[in-house]
Amino acid sequence: MSKNKELGSPYIEKTHFWGRIFSVIAFIILLSVPTMITVHYDAHPTFHQIFDGFVSVALIFWTAAILEIIVYAPMLGTGASYLSFVTGNTTNLKLPCVLNAREIAKPKPGTDEDEIVSTIAVATSTIVTTIILAIGVLALTPILPKITAKGSVFAPAFNQVLPALFGALGAGYFAKHWRISFVPILTAVICLLFNGNLGTGTLIPICVVVSILGAYVMYISGFLTGGVKPENPLKKKK
């Protein structure tokens, strides 16, 4: 692709077109599984039971569902957003894969190339994850109960998988962009000191907002540019 095309190009329009179609198809497929189970076992829940179950889950996840779309969609891009929200595990896998792919390919932000890199990263992550999970289930099913049991010497390690994953992924970014990293890190620490059970669906959006505001304040103050304050574009126009 010789020229970078800005967002709103035919590529983006087609991505939205097919993304909506396949999202609806995926939604129908996901609903068809419990529907077929109820038909097979002739166990049809009433509307009242479905509504009660829906409300109990929605009260927990509705904030995360809305905030994740607002926060993650601009970071992932169009195609990657459609794939991520259908395949899931956006925070743990899809977003780190997109950020790493962009770091390697270095596409110009807001172009079709940037969109393509992000989409390929999410698609590759989904395929690899599916293959690894399939292999892991087949290979580890006989021994997994033994190594994850309370008395096993390996049991403590399984409780630190996610912290180890995020630590390894975040260490490189924190070291490279330490000026804008300490504000969201400090915010997360303070939030967890007040509420240690705060979910990631709430904690991450808070840190994202604080990170953006903090980076903006540090930028206009010259902290990110070695003391050199940026010119005010409004004054320049006048």
Protein backbone atom coordinates (compact mmCIF):
# COMPACT_ATOMS: atom_id res chain seq x y z
CA MET A 1 0.00 0.00 0.00
CA SER A 2 1.84 3.06 -1.23
CA LYS A 3 -0.15 5.82 0.41
CA ASN A 4 -1.58 6.17 3.88
CA LYS A 5 -5.29 6.76 3.88
CA GLU A 6 -6.95 8.59 6.72
CA LEU A 7 -9.83 7.21 8.76
CA GLY A 8 -13.10 7.33 6.87
CA SER A 9 -11.56 5.73 3.80
CA PRO A 10 -13.33 2.98 1.84
CA TYR A 11 -11.34 0.42 3.83
CA ILE A 12 -12.81 1.67 7.11
CA GLU A 13 -16.32 1.81 5.65
CA LYS A 14 -16.05 -1.81 4.49
CA THR A 15 -14.66 -2.80 7.88
CA HIS A 16 -17.71 -1.32 9.59
CA PHE A 17 -20.04 -2.98 7.07
CA TRP A 18 -18.64 -6.49 7.47
CA GLY A 19 -17.90 -6.00 11.16
CA ARG A 20 -21.56 -5.29 11.91
CA ILE A 21 -22.72 -8.26 9.86
CA PHE A 22 -20.34 -10.74 11.52
CA SER A 23 -21.06 -9.26 14.97
CA VAL A 24 -24.75 -10.00 14.48
CA ILE A 25 -23.92 -13.51 13.23
CA ALA A 26 -21.66 -14.11 16.24
CA PHE A 27 -24.39 -12.85 18.58
CA ILE A 28 -26.90 -15.27 17.03
CA ILE A 29 -24.44 -18.17 17.31
CA LEU A 30 -23.72 -17.38 20.96
CA LEU A 31 -27.43 -17.32 21.76
CA SER A 32 -28.06 -20.50 19.79
CA VAL A 33 -25.94 -22.60 22.18
CA PRO A 34 -28.13 -22.12 25.29
CA THR A 35 -31.22 -22.24 23.07
CA MET A 36 -30.28 -25.67 21.72
CA ILE A 37 -29.49 -26.89 25.25
CA THR A 38 -32.94 -25.86 26.48
CA VAL A 39 -34.59 -27.53 23.47
CA HIS A 40 -32.58 -30.73 23.88
CA TYR A 41 -33.37 -31.10 27.58
CA ASP A 42 -36.86 -29.61 27.25
CA ALA A 43 -36.05 -27.15 30.04
CA HIS A 44 -37.46 -23.80 29.01
CA PRO A 45 -36.89 -20.96 31.50
CA THR A 46 -39.64 -18.41 31.98
CA PHE A 47 -39.25 -14.76 31.03
CA HIS A 48 -39.14 -13.87 34.72
CA GLN A 49 -36.21 -16.24 35.32
CA ILE A 50 -34.31 -14.92 32.28
CA PHE A 51 -34.94 -11.31 33.34
CA ASP A 52 -33.77 -11.94 36.91
CA GLY A 53 -30.60 -13.62 35.67
CA PHE A 54 -29.94 -10.84 33.18
CA VAL A 55 -30.39 -8.08 35.77
CA SER A 56 -28.09 -9.77 38.30
CA VAL A 57 -25.32 -9.96 35.70
CA ALA A 58 -25.99 -6.56 34.10
CA LEU A 59 -25.71 -4.76 37.44
CA ILE A 60 -22.13 -6.03 37.74
CA PHE A 61 -20.89 -5.66 34.18
CA TRP A 62 -22.86 -2.78 32.62
CA THR A 63 -20.32 -0.12 33.63
CA ALA A 64 -17.39 -2.19 32.38
CA ALA A 65 -19.22 -2.97 29.12
CA ILE A 66 -19.83 0.70 28.35
CA LEU A 67 -16.45 1.97 29.53
CA GLU A 68 -14.49 -0.73 27.69
CA ILE A 69 -16.04 0.32 24.38
CA ILE A 70 -15.26 3.99 25.05
CA VAL A 71 -11.72 3.30 26.25
CA TYR A 72 -10.59 0.37 24.11
CA ALA A 73 -12.17 1.15 20.71
CA PRO A 74 -9.93 4.19 20.00
CA MET A 75 -6.88 2.22 21.16
CA LEU A 76 -7.64 -0.92 19.15
CA GLY A 77 -8.99 0.55 15.93
CA THR A 78 -12.04 -0.45 13.91
CA GLY A 79 -11.34 -4.00 12.74
CA ALA A 80 -9.51 -4.98 15.91
CA SER A 81 -12.43 -3.72 18.03
CA TYR A 82 -14.94 -5.90 16.19
CA LEU A 83 -12.70 -8.95 16.58
CA SER A 84 -11.80 -8.25 20.20
CA PHE A 85 -15.32 -7.69 21.46
CA VAL A 86 -16.50 -10.91 19.80
CA THR A 87 -13.58 -13.15 20.81
CA GLY A 88 -13.09 -11.58 24.26
CA ASN A 89 -10.09 -11.31 26.60
CA THR A 90 -9.42 -7.79 25.34
CA THR A 91 -7.54 -6.51 28.38
CA ASN A 92 -5.33 -9.54 28.96
CA LEU A 93 -4.37 -10.45 25.39
CA LYS A 94 -5.82 -8.42 22.53
CA LEU A 95 -4.79 -4.94 23.65
CA PRO A 96 -1.20 -5.92 24.59
CA CYS A 97 -0.85 -7.69 21.23
CA VAL A 98 -2.04 -4.59 19.36
CA LEU A 99 0.33 -2.30 21.26
CA ASN A 100 3.25 -4.65 20.69
CA ALA A 101 2.48 -5.01 16.97
CA ARG A 102 2.32 -1.25 16.55
CA GLU A 103 5.59 -0.88 18.42
CA ILE A 104 7.26 -3.28 15.98
CA ALA A 105 5.63 -2.19 12.69
CA LYS A 106 5.50 1.54 13.59
CA PRO A 107 2.58 2.44 11.28
CA LYS A 108 1.41 6.05 11.10
CA PRO A 109 -1.47 6.50 13.60
CA GLY A 110 -4.91 6.95 12.10
CA THR A 111 -4.14 5.30 8.76
CA ASP A 112 -5.29 2.14 7.02
CA GLU A 113 -1.88 0.59 7.71
CA ASP A 114 -2.37 1.17 11.42
CA GLU A 115 -5.81 -0.44 11.21
CA ILE A 116 -4.48 -3.43 9.29
CA VAL A 117 -1.61 -4.02 11.74
CA SER A 118 -4.03 -3.91 14.69
CA THR A 119 -6.52 -6.24 13.01
CA ILE A 120 -3.83 -8.77 12.08
CA ALA A 121 -2.47 -8.67 15.65
CA VAL A 122 -5.89 -9.44 17.16
CA ALA A 123 -6.68 -12.13 14.57
CA THR A 124 -3.30 -13.81 15.13
CA SER A 125 -3.76 -13.63 18.89
CA THR A 126 -7.18 -15.26 18.59
CA ILE A 127 -5.93 -18.09 16.38
CA VAL A 128 -2.84 -18.76 18.51
CA THR A 129 -4.87 -18.64 21.72
CA THR A 130 -7.40 -21.11 20.35
CA ILE A 131 -4.68 -23.52 19.23
CA ILE A 132 -2.77 -23.27 22.51
CA LEU A 133 -5.93 -23.76 24.55
CA ALA A 134 -6.87 -26.82 22.51
CA ILE A 135 -3.40 -28.32 22.93
CA GLY A 136 -3.33 -27.39 26.61
CA VAL A 137 -6.71 -28.96 27.32
CA LEU A 138 -5.75 -32.19 25.61
CA ALA A 139 -2.25 -32.39 27.10
CA LEU A 140 -2.81 -31.07 30.62
CA THR A 141 -6.21 -32.52 31.48
CA PRO A 142 -4.73 -35.68 33.06
CA ILE A 143 -2.15 -33.82 35.21
CA LEU A 144 -3.71 -30.37 35.78
CA PRO A 145 -5.75 -31.38 38.87
CA LYS A 146 -2.58 -32.71 40.50
CA ILE A 147 -0.33 -29.68 39.88
CA THR A 148 -3.03 -27.15 40.84
CA ALA A 149 -4.09 -28.93 44.03
CA LYS A 150 -3.57 -27.07 47.31
CA GLY A 151 -0.77 -29.37 48.42
CA SER A 152 1.16 -29.12 45.14
CA VAL A 153 4.43 -27.17 45.03
CA PHE A 154 3.26 -25.63 41.72
CA ALA A 155 -0.04 -24.31 43.11
CA PRO A 156 1.27 -20.86 44.21
CA ALA A 157 2.61 -20.21 40.72
CA PHE A 158 -0.84 -20.49 39.14
CA ASN A 159 -2.07 -17.64 41.34
CA GLN A 160 0.57 -15.32 39.88
CA VAL A 161 0.03 -15.94 36.16
CA LEU A 162 -1.78 -12.67 35.39
CA PRO A 163 0.50 -10.48 37.54
CA ALA A 164 3.52 -12.04 35.83
CA LEU A 165 1.98 -11.49 32.39
CA PHE A 166 1.13 -7.83 33.00
CA GLY A 167 4.44 -7.21 34.74
CA ALA A 168 6.39 -8.53 31.78
CA LEU A 169 4.30 -6.57 29.27
CA GLY A 170 4.25 -3.37 31.28
CA ALA A 171 7.91 -3.26 32.36
CA GLY A 172 9.12 -2.30 28.88
CA TYR A 173 6.55 0.48 28.47
CA PHE A 174 7.13 1.81 31.99
CA ALA A 175 10.89 1.98 31.46
CA LYS A 176 10.56 3.63 28.06
CA HIS A 177 7.83 6.10 29.02
CA TRP A 178 8.51 6.53 32.73
CA ARG A 179 7.45 10.18 32.77
CA ILE A 180 3.84 9.38 31.92
CA SER A 181 3.76 6.01 33.71
CA PHE A 182 4.13 6.98 37.34
CA VAL A 183 0.86 8.95 37.50
CA PRO A 184 -1.48 6.07 36.46
CA ILE A 185 0.58 3.59 38.52
CA LEU A 186 0.28 5.80 41.60
CA THR A 187 -3.45 6.21 40.91
CA ALA A 188 -3.94 2.44 40.73
CA VAL A 189 -2.01 1.93 43.97
CA ILE A 190 -4.11 4.55 45.79
CA CYS A 191 -7.37 3.07 44.47
CA LEU A 192 -6.38 -0.43 45.56
CA LEU A 193 -5.33 0.84 49.01
CA PHE A 194 -8.87 2.13 49.53
CA ASN A 195 -10.54 -0.85 47.87
CA GLY A 196 -8.40 -3.91 47.32
CA ASN A 197 -11.24 -5.76 45.55
CA LEU A 198 -11.73 -3.11 42.87
CA GLY A 199 -12.30 -4.86 39.52
CA THR A 200 -10.20 -4.22 36.44
CA GLY A 201 -13.31 -3.06 34.56
CA THR A 202 -13.46 -0.08 36.92
CA LEU A 203 -9.76 0.39 37.70
CA ILE A 204 -8.50 0.49 34.11
CA PRO A 205 -10.89 3.24 32.87
CA ILE A 206 -9.98 5.34 35.93
CA CYS A 207 -6.26 4.94 35.21
CA VAL A 208 -6.78 5.68 31.51
CA VAL A 209 -8.57 8.97 32.25
CA VAL A 210 -5.97 9.96 34.85
CA SER A 211 -3.16 9.00 32.46
CA ILE A 212 -4.56 11.16 29.65
CA LEU A 213 -5.11 14.15 31.93
CA GLY A 214 -1.71 13.72 33.57
CA ALA A 215 0.09 13.41 30.23
CA TYR A 216 -1.67 16.54 28.95
CA VAL A 217 -0.71 18.56 32.04
CA MET A 218 2.90 17.35 31.84
CA TYR A 219 3.02 18.16 28.13
CA ILE A 220 1.76 21.74 28.40
CA SER A 221 4.02 22.30 31.42
CA GLY A 222 7.08 21.18 29.44
CA PHE A 223 7.85 18.21 31.70
CA LEU A 224 7.69 15.77 28.78
CA THR A 225 9.79 17.97 26.49
CA GLY A 226 12.68 18.72 28.81
CA GLY A 227 11.34 22.04 30.06
CA VAL A 228 10.38 23.37 26.62
CA LYS A 229 6.73 24.43 26.65
CA PRO A 230 4.80 23.87 23.39
CA GLU A 231 3.49 26.85 21.50
CA ASN A 232 -0.17 27.72 21.85
CA PRO A 233 -1.74 27.09 18.41
CA LEU A 234 -4.50 29.66 19.09
CA LYS A 235 -1.98 32.42 19.74
CA LYS A 236 -0.02 31.38 16.64
CA LYS A 237 -3.09 31.80 14.44
CA LYS A 238 -3.73 35.27 15.82
